Amino acid sequence: MGKLSLTSFVTLDGVYQAPGGPNEDTRDGFEHGGWSVPYGDEDFGRFIDEVFGRVGAFLLGRRTYEIFAAHWPRVTDPGNPVASKLNSLPKYVVSSTLTQADWAGTTIVRGDLAKEVTAIKENTDGELQVHGSGALAQSLLAHDLVDTVHLLTFPVVLGTGRRLLAEGAVPTAFTHTEARVTSTGVAIHTYELAGRPQYGSYELPPDAA
């Protein structure tokens, strides 16, 4: 059974919307698209290559799928570690509205999310990877379907935009397993699902006063 990993780019104030370009996602009048681009460097590229080196299949939301499908099939260099995997491996797109998916190897996923994704994980060798796909990521986290989170926090505050971990998220605890910082200041942290949070208090008990 494969593990499901989520790789997400966020700002310091938690925004995930449109990291890759000004026209990527302008919902709600968002005007800051492309905010991650100035921070790309060799450290960032090395990490992405590592992630794609473990992939067995992709699970994407409709918006991210359409962004990827408009670009990556045109990248035909077999030596490109991202394009070669995206173009050759199975891709599952979760959507209730998409009626056709022309990118080779794509399956449209409908119905019970937890049931469908669990079945896909069981039939995947290697990681089932989610990239971007903020709304899908929120649903997967709410169902405890994400095993590993790679959270890349970029040193920028935008003040507006859709947030990955918004109010109402299911309380969840993670174990921190890895950290690194790129030369441009992107903090890359990896977390493994641990279950529900535990709670305590810093208040002294009455008999300790």
Protein backbone atom coordinates (compact mmCIF):
# COMPACT_ATOMS: atom_id res chain seq x y z
CA MET A 1 0.00 0.00 0.00
CA GLY A 2 1.39 3.37 -0.98
CA LYS A 3 1.69 6.38 1.28
CA LEU A 4 -0.09 9.60 0.44
CA SER A 5 2.16 12.66 0.57
CA LEU A 6 1.14 16.30 0.24
CA THR A 7 3.61 18.90 -1.02
CA SER A 8 2.31 22.41 -0.48
CA PHE A 9 3.76 25.88 -1.01
CA VAL A 10 2.54 28.50 1.47
CA THR A 11 3.41 32.06 2.45
CA LEU A 12 4.22 33.11 6.00
CA ASP A 13 0.55 33.98 6.44
CA GLY A 14 -0.55 30.59 5.13
CA VAL A 15 -1.65 31.49 1.59
CA TYR A 16 -1.40 28.70 -0.99
CA GLN A 17 -3.18 30.41 -3.88
CA ALA A 18 -1.44 30.81 -7.26
CA PRO A 19 2.22 30.30 -6.34
CA GLY A 20 3.34 29.74 -9.93
CA GLY A 21 2.03 32.64 -12.00
CA PRO A 22 -0.25 35.70 -12.14
CA ASN A 23 -2.98 33.93 -14.10
CA GLU A 24 -2.89 30.66 -12.21
CA ASP A 25 -5.76 31.39 -9.82
CA THR A 26 -7.40 34.82 -9.64
CA ARG A 27 -10.43 33.80 -7.58
CA ASP A 28 -11.71 36.42 -5.14
CA GLY A 29 -9.74 39.08 -7.04
CA PHE A 30 -6.37 37.63 -6.00
CA GLU A 31 -3.58 39.79 -7.48
CA HIS A 32 -0.42 38.20 -6.08
CA GLY A 33 -0.02 35.17 -8.35
CA GLY A 34 3.54 34.02 -8.94
CA TRP A 35 4.78 34.81 -5.44
CA SER A 36 6.93 31.64 -5.17
CA VAL A 37 8.89 32.17 -8.40
CA PRO A 38 11.59 34.59 -7.11
CA TYR A 39 12.67 32.01 -4.51
CA GLY A 40 13.54 29.18 -6.89
CA ASP A 41 17.16 28.03 -6.57
CA GLU A 42 19.26 24.87 -6.73
CA ASP A 43 18.26 23.84 -3.19
CA PHE A 44 14.60 24.14 -4.09
CA GLY A 45 15.07 22.19 -7.32
CA ARG A 46 17.02 19.48 -5.54
CA PHE A 47 14.21 18.95 -3.05
CA ILE A 48 11.57 18.77 -5.79
CA ASP A 49 13.68 16.21 -7.68
CA GLU A 50 13.86 14.11 -4.50
CA VAL A 51 10.10 14.21 -4.07
CA PHE A 52 9.41 13.20 -7.68
CA GLY A 53 11.94 10.40 -7.34
CA ARG A 54 9.60 8.63 -4.90
CA VAL A 55 6.33 8.99 -6.80
CA GLY A 56 4.18 6.13 -7.99
CA ALA A 57 1.04 8.07 -8.95
CA PHE A 58 -0.46 11.55 -8.67
CA LEU A 59 -3.69 12.70 -7.02
CA LEU A 60 -4.73 16.21 -8.03
CA GLY A 61 -7.59 18.64 -7.67
CA ARG A 62 -9.27 19.86 -10.83
CA ARG A 63 -7.67 23.32 -10.89
CA THR A 64 -4.12 22.04 -10.34
CA TYR A 65 -4.70 19.24 -12.83
CA GLU A 66 -5.74 21.70 -15.53
CA ILE A 67 -2.73 23.94 -14.84
CA PHE A 68 -0.39 20.94 -15.05
CA ALA A 69 -2.11 19.51 -18.14
CA ALA A 70 -1.70 22.79 -20.00
CA HIS A 71 2.08 22.76 -19.47
CA TRP A 72 3.76 19.44 -18.72
CA PRO A 73 2.69 17.39 -21.77
CA ARG A 74 4.63 19.91 -23.87
CA VAL A 75 7.85 19.19 -21.93
CA THR A 76 9.15 16.12 -23.77
CA ASP A 77 12.73 15.92 -22.47
CA PRO A 78 13.00 12.39 -20.98
CA GLY A 79 15.71 13.69 -18.66
CA ASN A 80 13.37 16.15 -16.97
CA PRO A 81 12.64 14.49 -13.58
CA VAL A 82 9.28 16.23 -13.17
CA ALA A 83 7.87 16.02 -16.70
CA SER A 84 8.95 12.42 -17.21
CA LYS A 85 7.01 11.29 -14.12
CA LEU A 86 3.95 13.47 -14.68
CA ASN A 87 3.62 12.37 -18.29
CA SER A 88 4.17 8.66 -17.73
CA LEU A 89 2.63 7.76 -14.37
CA PRO A 90 -1.06 7.38 -13.42
CA LYS A 91 -2.86 10.62 -12.60
CA TYR A 92 -6.09 10.76 -10.63
CA VAL A 93 -8.06 13.99 -10.69
CA VAL A 94 -10.80 14.52 -8.09
CA SER A 95 -13.67 16.44 -9.61
CA SER A 96 -17.45 16.41 -9.71
CA THR A 97 -17.54 18.71 -12.76
CA LEU A 98 -14.76 17.53 -15.08
CA THR A 99 -16.22 15.45 -17.90
CA GLN A 100 -13.13 14.77 -19.99
CA ALA A 101 -9.42 14.38 -19.27
CA ASP A 102 -7.18 14.15 -22.34
CA TRP A 103 -3.82 13.91 -20.58
CA ALA A 104 -2.63 10.33 -21.03
CA GLY A 105 -2.97 8.15 -17.95
CA THR A 106 -5.67 10.24 -16.26
CA THR A 107 -8.61 8.84 -14.31
CA ILE A 108 -11.40 11.10 -13.02
CA VAL A 109 -12.32 10.30 -9.41
CA ARG A 110 -15.86 10.83 -8.17
CA GLY A 111 -17.95 9.56 -5.29
CA ASP A 112 -16.86 8.85 -1.72
CA LEU A 113 -13.45 10.55 -1.36
CA ALA A 114 -12.20 8.43 1.53
CA LYS A 115 -13.20 5.16 -0.13
CA GLU A 116 -11.83 6.09 -3.54
CA VAL A 117 -8.50 7.46 -2.27
CA THR A 118 -7.96 4.51 0.06
CA ALA A 119 -8.43 2.16 -2.89
CA ILE A 120 -5.96 4.16 -4.99
CA LYS A 121 -3.39 4.07 -2.18
CA GLU A 122 -3.77 0.31 -1.91
CA ASN A 123 -3.02 -0.08 -5.61
CA THR A 124 -0.06 2.33 -5.78
CA ASP A 125 3.58 1.28 -5.55
CA GLY A 126 5.54 4.20 -4.15
CA GLU A 127 4.00 7.46 -3.05
CA LEU A 128 0.62 8.73 -4.11
CA GLN A 129 1.50 12.41 -4.35
CA VAL A 130 -0.66 15.50 -4.05
CA HIS A 131 0.88 18.73 -5.33
CA GLY A 132 -0.87 22.05 -4.75
CA SER A 133 -4.59 21.23 -4.96
CA GLY A 134 -5.45 23.25 -1.86
CA ALA A 135 -9.15 22.42 -1.62
CA LEU A 136 -8.46 18.72 -2.17
CA ALA A 137 -5.65 18.84 0.38
CA GLN A 138 -8.04 20.25 2.98
CA SER A 139 -10.51 17.44 2.35
CA LEU A 140 -7.80 14.78 2.52
CA LEU A 141 -6.49 16.19 5.79
CA ALA A 142 -10.02 16.26 7.21
CA HIS A 143 -10.34 12.53 6.44
CA ASP A 144 -6.88 11.64 7.89
CA LEU A 145 -5.82 10.38 4.47
CA VAL A 146 -2.52 12.27 4.32
CA ASP A 147 0.46 10.32 5.68
CA THR A 148 3.22 12.87 5.00
CA VAL A 149 3.16 16.64 4.61
CA HIS A 150 5.98 18.57 2.95
CA LEU A 151 5.26 22.18 3.86
CA LEU A 152 7.39 24.73 2.00
CA THR A 153 7.04 28.12 3.67
CA PHE A 154 8.20 31.08 1.58
CA PRO A 155 9.46 34.27 3.28
CA VAL A 156 6.67 36.53 2.03
CA VAL A 157 3.39 37.85 3.46
CA LEU A 158 0.53 38.64 1.07
CA GLY A 159 -2.34 39.61 3.38
CA THR A 160 -5.01 38.11 1.09
CA GLY A 161 -5.58 34.78 -0.58
CA ARG A 162 -6.82 31.32 0.20
CA ARG A 163 -5.18 29.66 3.18
CA LEU A 164 -4.24 26.00 3.38
CA LEU A 165 -4.96 25.48 7.07
CA ALA A 166 -8.05 27.61 7.45
CA GLU A 167 -10.39 28.01 10.40
CA GLY A 168 -12.42 24.86 10.92
CA ALA A 169 -9.65 22.40 10.06
CA VAL A 170 -9.82 19.09 11.93
CA PRO A 171 -7.48 19.14 14.97
CA THR A 172 -4.55 16.95 13.95
CA ALA A 173 -1.11 16.23 15.40
CA PHE A 174 1.99 15.53 13.33
CA THR A 175 5.53 14.37 14.04
CA HIS A 176 8.26 16.61 12.62
CA THR A 177 10.74 14.41 10.75
CA GLU A 178 12.93 16.65 8.58
CA ALA A 179 13.86 20.28 8.00
CA ARG A 180 16.04 22.30 5.68
CA VAL A 181 16.26 25.89 4.45
CA THR A 182 17.09 26.88 0.88
CA SER A 183 19.56 29.64 -0.01
CA THR A 184 16.63 31.99 -0.69
CA GLY A 185 15.04 31.35 2.69
CA VAL A 186 12.34 28.80 1.87
CA ALA A 187 11.80 26.66 4.98
CA ILE A 188 11.04 23.06 4.05
CA HIS A 189 9.53 20.96 6.84
CA THR A 190 8.32 17.38 6.65
CA TYR A 191 5.67 16.00 8.99
CA GLU A 192 4.17 12.55 9.49
CA LEU A 193 0.59 12.05 10.65
CA ALA A 194 0.49 11.27 14.38
CA GLY A 195 -3.22 11.39 15.26
CA ARG A 196 -5.16 13.81 17.43
CA PRO A 197 -3.53 16.56 19.50
CA GLN A 198 -2.77 16.02 23.17
CA TYR A 199 -3.40 18.82 25.65
CA GLY A 200 -1.98 20.04 28.93
CA SER A 201 -1.64 23.14 31.04
CA TYR A 202 1.20 25.39 32.23
CA GLU A 203 -0.83 26.38 35.26
CA LEU A 204 0.53 25.10 38.56
CA PRO A 205 -1.78 22.75 40.46
CA PRO A 206 -3.25 24.32 43.62
CA ASP A 207 -1.03 22.27 45.97
CA ALA A 208 2.14 23.44 44.14
CA ALA A 209 1.58 27.16 44.79
